[in-house]
Structures are given as C-alpha cells and as structure tokens.
C-alpha cells in the first residue's frame, strides 16, 4: 500500500496525492510550472521527468500533479506513484 492516497480535483487534469505518513516537504510550499523551475527540488524535478507533467504543487501534507490535457493518466500514474513513494520512504 503506498504511503499516500489519491484524490481527484475539480480539474480533470490534476490529481491530489495526500501523504499518510511523513510530509512531502518540511514546511512551506513549492510550485513549479516547468522543469527549469523544478530543478532545485529533487521531488519536483523527478515528477517533471515524467512525460506529460505540466505543473507540480507541493505542500507538507499533499502534492498536486497537473498533466497536459492530451497526456494519459494511465501511462503517467505508475511512474508518479513510484516517485512519490520513493520520496516519502527516504
């Protein structure tokens, strides 16, 4: 069982991943609209490595990943889940 739950958001291109264990961040908020902005933070950089990721928002209790409208969650989700689980496990 992953250390997070997945919830839909009002935007069908976004999913919210709420941690059930340690926080995604120690504090504050991180928002990245592209890979360049994400490069300073390992979690957001890894998420932007998934083809189709458009935006990443990370707060201590949750992360929201937004995909490009033409990207497919079925293709993206296994990799996103693995990245988040690895981050929370480290």
N, C-alpha and C. Protein backbone atom coordinates (compact mmCIF):
# COMPACT_ATOMS: atom_id res chain seq x y z
N UNK A 1 0.85 -1.18 0.00
CA UNK A 1 0.00 0.00 0.00
C UNK A 1 0.90 1.25 0.00
N UNK A 2 0.66 2.17 -0.92
CA UNK A 2 1.51 3.37 -0.99
C UNK A 2 1.29 4.27 0.23
N UNK A 3 2.30 5.08 0.57
CA UNK A 3 2.19 5.97 1.74
C UNK A 3 1.41 7.25 1.45
N UNK A 4 0.43 7.15 0.55
CA UNK A 4 -0.39 8.31 0.20
C UNK A 4 -1.71 7.83 -0.38
N UNK A 5 -2.68 8.73 -0.41
CA UNK A 5 -3.95 8.46 -1.07
C UNK A 5 -4.05 9.38 -2.28
N UNK A 6 -4.85 9.00 -3.24
CA UNK A 6 -5.03 9.78 -4.47
C UNK A 6 -6.47 10.23 -4.54
N UNK A 7 -6.65 11.54 -4.74
CA UNK A 7 -7.99 12.09 -4.88
C UNK A 7 -8.08 12.90 -6.17
N UNK A 8 -9.25 12.86 -6.82
CA UNK A 8 -9.45 13.75 -7.97
C UNK A 8 -9.58 15.18 -7.47
N UNK A 9 -9.43 16.12 -8.36
CA UNK A 9 -9.63 17.54 -8.07
C UNK A 9 -10.70 18.05 -9.03
N UNK A 10 -11.17 19.26 -8.86
CA UNK A 10 -12.13 19.80 -9.83
C UNK A 10 -11.56 19.86 -11.25
N UNK A 11 -10.24 19.94 -11.37
CA UNK A 11 -9.60 19.94 -12.68
C UNK A 11 -9.31 18.48 -13.06
N UNK A 12 -9.90 17.95 -14.14
CA UNK A 12 -9.66 16.56 -14.52
C UNK A 12 -8.21 16.28 -14.91
N UNK A 13 -7.43 17.32 -15.12
CA UNK A 13 -6.02 17.14 -15.47
C UNK A 13 -5.12 17.17 -14.25
N UNK A 14 -5.70 17.25 -13.04
CA UNK A 14 -4.91 17.28 -11.81
C UNK A 14 -5.35 16.18 -10.86
N UNK A 15 -4.36 15.61 -10.16
CA UNK A 15 -4.64 14.65 -9.10
C UNK A 15 -3.92 15.11 -7.84
N UNK A 16 -4.56 14.89 -6.69
CA UNK A 16 -4.00 15.26 -5.39
C UNK A 16 -3.55 13.99 -4.69
N UNK A 17 -2.31 14.00 -4.23
CA UNK A 17 -1.70 12.88 -3.53
C UNK A 17 -1.48 13.33 -2.08
N UNK A 18 -2.27 12.79 -1.14
CA UNK A 18 -2.18 13.18 0.27
C UNK A 18 -1.37 12.14 1.02
N UNK A 19 -0.34 12.58 1.72
CA UNK A 19 0.53 11.65 2.44
C UNK A 19 -0.20 11.05 3.64
N UNK A 20 0.05 9.79 3.88
CA UNK A 20 -0.48 9.10 5.06
C UNK A 20 0.64 8.84 6.05
N UNK A 21 1.81 9.40 5.76
CA UNK A 21 2.98 9.22 6.62
C UNK A 21 3.74 10.52 6.75
N UNK A 22 5.03 10.48 6.45
CA UNK A 22 5.84 11.70 6.58
C UNK A 22 5.40 12.76 5.57
N UNK A 23 5.75 14.03 5.83
CA UNK A 23 5.35 15.10 4.90
C UNK A 23 6.16 15.08 3.61
N UNK A 24 5.58 15.63 2.56
CA UNK A 24 6.30 15.78 1.30
C UNK A 24 7.39 16.85 1.42
N UNK A 25 7.11 17.89 2.22
CA UNK A 25 8.06 18.98 2.50
C UNK A 25 8.11 19.20 4.00
N UNK A 26 9.22 19.72 4.49
CA UNK A 26 9.31 20.04 5.91
C UNK A 26 8.47 21.26 6.27
N UNK A 27 8.22 22.13 5.31
CA UNK A 27 7.41 23.31 5.54
C UNK A 27 7.33 24.12 4.28
N UNK A 28 6.45 25.09 4.27
CA UNK A 28 6.32 25.97 3.12
C UNK A 28 5.53 25.35 1.98
N UNK A 29 5.77 25.88 0.80
CA UNK A 29 5.06 25.46 -0.40
C UNK A 29 6.01 25.54 -1.58
N UNK A 30 5.86 24.63 -2.51
CA UNK A 30 6.66 24.61 -3.72
C UNK A 30 5.72 24.49 -4.91
N UNK A 31 5.82 25.40 -5.85
CA UNK A 31 5.03 25.31 -7.06
C UNK A 31 5.96 25.49 -8.25
N UNK A 32 5.83 24.61 -9.22
CA UNK A 32 6.71 24.62 -10.39
C UNK A 32 5.87 24.47 -11.65
N UNK A 33 6.10 25.37 -12.60
CA UNK A 33 5.35 25.36 -13.85
C UNK A 33 6.17 24.75 -15.00
N UNK A 34 7.44 24.42 -14.74
CA UNK A 34 8.25 23.80 -15.78
C UNK A 34 9.45 23.11 -15.15
N UNK A 35 10.16 22.33 -15.94
CA UNK A 35 11.29 21.56 -15.43
C UNK A 35 12.40 22.46 -14.90
N UNK A 36 12.59 23.61 -15.51
CA UNK A 36 13.64 24.51 -15.04
C UNK A 36 13.35 24.99 -13.62
N UNK A 37 12.11 25.40 -13.36
CA UNK A 37 11.74 25.82 -12.00
C UNK A 37 11.86 24.66 -11.02
N UNK A 38 11.58 23.46 -11.49
CA UNK A 38 11.57 22.27 -10.63
C UNK A 38 12.97 21.76 -10.31
N UNK A 39 13.96 22.18 -11.05
CA UNK A 39 15.30 21.58 -10.95
C UNK A 39 15.95 21.75 -9.57
N UNK A 40 15.54 22.74 -8.80
CA UNK A 40 16.15 22.97 -7.49
C UNK A 40 15.63 22.04 -6.40
N UNK A 41 14.55 21.33 -6.65
CA UNK A 41 13.97 20.44 -5.65
C UNK A 41 13.90 19.02 -6.20
N UNK A 42 14.50 18.04 -5.54
CA UNK A 42 14.54 16.67 -6.09
C UNK A 42 13.17 16.06 -6.42
N UNK A 43 12.17 16.28 -5.55
CA UNK A 43 10.86 15.69 -5.81
C UNK A 43 10.22 16.29 -7.06
N UNK A 44 10.17 17.60 -7.14
CA UNK A 44 9.54 18.23 -8.30
C UNK A 44 10.33 17.94 -9.58
N UNK A 45 11.66 17.90 -9.48
CA UNK A 45 12.48 17.57 -10.66
C UNK A 45 12.16 16.17 -11.15
N UNK A 46 12.02 15.22 -10.23
CA UNK A 46 11.69 13.85 -10.63
C UNK A 46 10.31 13.78 -11.27
N UNK A 47 9.35 14.52 -10.71
CA UNK A 47 8.00 14.50 -11.28
C UNK A 47 7.98 15.09 -12.68
N UNK A 48 8.76 16.14 -12.91
CA UNK A 48 8.82 16.72 -14.25
C UNK A 48 9.56 15.79 -15.23
N UNK A 49 10.23 14.78 -14.72
CA UNK A 49 10.84 13.77 -15.58
C UNK A 49 9.82 12.83 -16.18
N UNK A 50 8.59 12.87 -15.70
CA UNK A 50 7.51 12.04 -16.25
C UNK A 50 6.91 12.79 -17.42
N UNK A 51 6.92 12.17 -18.56
CA UNK A 51 6.37 12.81 -19.76
C UNK A 51 4.89 13.13 -19.54
N UNK A 52 4.52 14.38 -19.82
CA UNK A 52 3.13 14.82 -19.69
C UNK A 52 2.87 15.69 -18.49
N UNK A 53 3.81 15.76 -17.52
CA UNK A 53 3.60 16.61 -16.35
C UNK A 53 3.68 18.07 -16.78
N UNK A 54 2.70 18.84 -16.33
CA UNK A 54 2.57 20.24 -16.72
C UNK A 54 2.84 21.19 -15.56
N UNK A 55 2.46 20.78 -14.33
CA UNK A 55 2.61 21.64 -13.17
C UNK A 55 2.67 20.77 -11.93
N UNK A 56 3.45 21.23 -10.93
CA UNK A 56 3.57 20.50 -9.67
C UNK A 56 3.40 21.49 -8.52
N UNK A 57 2.56 21.15 -7.57
CA UNK A 57 2.36 21.93 -6.35
C UNK A 57 2.62 20.99 -5.18
N UNK A 58 3.53 21.36 -4.28
CA UNK A 58 3.85 20.50 -3.14
C UNK A 58 3.74 21.31 -1.86
N UNK A 59 3.01 20.78 -0.91
CA UNK A 59 2.92 21.31 0.45
C UNK A 59 3.23 20.14 1.38
N UNK A 60 3.45 20.39 2.66
CA UNK A 60 3.77 19.26 3.54
C UNK A 60 2.77 18.10 3.48
N UNK A 61 1.44 18.36 3.53
CA UNK A 61 0.53 17.21 3.59
C UNK A 61 0.10 16.64 2.23
N UNK A 62 0.39 17.33 1.13
CA UNK A 62 -0.04 16.80 -0.16
C UNK A 62 0.78 17.37 -1.31
N UNK A 63 0.68 16.67 -2.43
CA UNK A 63 1.26 17.13 -3.69
C UNK A 63 0.18 17.03 -4.75
N UNK A 64 0.09 18.03 -5.60
CA UNK A 64 -0.85 18.00 -6.72
C UNK A 64 -0.04 18.03 -8.00
N UNK A 65 -0.35 17.07 -8.87
CA UNK A 65 0.32 16.98 -10.16
C UNK A 65 -0.72 17.26 -11.24
N UNK A 66 -0.39 18.18 -12.12
CA UNK A 66 -1.26 18.51 -13.25
C UNK A 66 -0.57 18.05 -14.53
N UNK A 67 -1.36 17.41 -15.38
CA UNK A 67 -0.82 16.90 -16.65
C UNK A 67 -1.28 17.77 -17.81
N UNK A 68 -0.58 17.65 -18.93
CA UNK A 68 -1.04 18.28 -20.16
C UNK A 68 -2.37 17.63 -20.54
N UNK A 69 -3.30 18.38 -21.12
CA UNK A 69 -4.61 17.81 -21.44
C UNK A 69 -4.56 16.55 -22.32
N UNK A 70 -3.58 16.44 -23.19
CA UNK A 70 -3.52 15.28 -24.08
C UNK A 70 -2.73 14.12 -23.50
N UNK A 71 -2.15 14.28 -22.31
CA UNK A 71 -1.42 13.20 -21.66
C UNK A 71 -2.40 12.22 -21.01
N UNK A 72 -1.95 10.99 -20.78
CA UNK A 72 -2.80 9.91 -20.28
C UNK A 72 -2.40 9.52 -18.86
N UNK A 73 -3.33 9.66 -17.92
CA UNK A 73 -3.04 9.27 -16.53
C UNK A 73 -2.62 7.81 -16.44
N UNK A 74 -3.22 6.94 -17.23
CA UNK A 74 -2.90 5.51 -17.15
C UNK A 74 -1.43 5.25 -17.43
N UNK A 75 -0.84 6.04 -18.30
CA UNK A 75 0.57 5.90 -18.63
C UNK A 75 1.45 6.56 -17.56
N UNK A 76 1.02 7.69 -17.06
CA UNK A 76 1.82 8.50 -16.14
C UNK A 76 1.77 8.03 -14.69
N UNK A 77 0.62 7.56 -14.25
CA UNK A 77 0.40 7.30 -12.83
C UNK A 77 1.37 6.31 -12.20
N UNK A 78 1.70 5.19 -12.82
CA UNK A 78 2.65 4.27 -12.17
C UNK A 78 3.99 4.94 -11.85
N UNK A 79 4.50 5.75 -12.75
CA UNK A 79 5.79 6.42 -12.51
C UNK A 79 5.65 7.49 -11.42
N UNK A 80 4.56 8.26 -11.45
CA UNK A 80 4.34 9.28 -10.42
C UNK A 80 4.22 8.63 -9.05
N UNK A 81 3.47 7.55 -8.95
CA UNK A 81 3.32 6.85 -7.68
C UNK A 81 4.67 6.35 -7.17
N UNK A 82 5.50 5.82 -8.06
CA UNK A 82 6.81 5.32 -7.66
C UNK A 82 7.70 6.45 -7.15
N UNK A 83 7.67 7.59 -7.82
CA UNK A 83 8.47 8.75 -7.40
C UNK A 83 8.03 9.22 -6.02
N UNK A 84 6.73 9.35 -5.82
CA UNK A 84 6.22 9.84 -4.54
C UNK A 84 6.53 8.85 -3.42
N UNK A 85 6.34 7.56 -3.67
CA UNK A 85 6.62 6.54 -2.65
C UNK A 85 8.11 6.54 -2.29
N UNK A 86 8.97 6.66 -3.29
CA UNK A 86 10.41 6.70 -3.02
C UNK A 86 10.77 7.94 -2.20
N UNK A 87 10.18 9.07 -2.55
CA UNK A 87 10.46 10.31 -1.81
C UNK A 87 10.03 10.19 -0.35
N UNK A 88 8.86 9.65 -0.12
CA UNK A 88 8.37 9.54 1.25
C UNK A 88 9.12 8.48 2.05
N UNK A 89 9.71 7.52 1.34
CA UNK A 89 10.47 6.48 2.01
C UNK A 89 11.89 6.88 2.36
N UNK A 90 12.35 7.98 1.76
CA UNK A 90 13.74 8.39 2.01
C UNK A 90 13.86 9.34 3.18
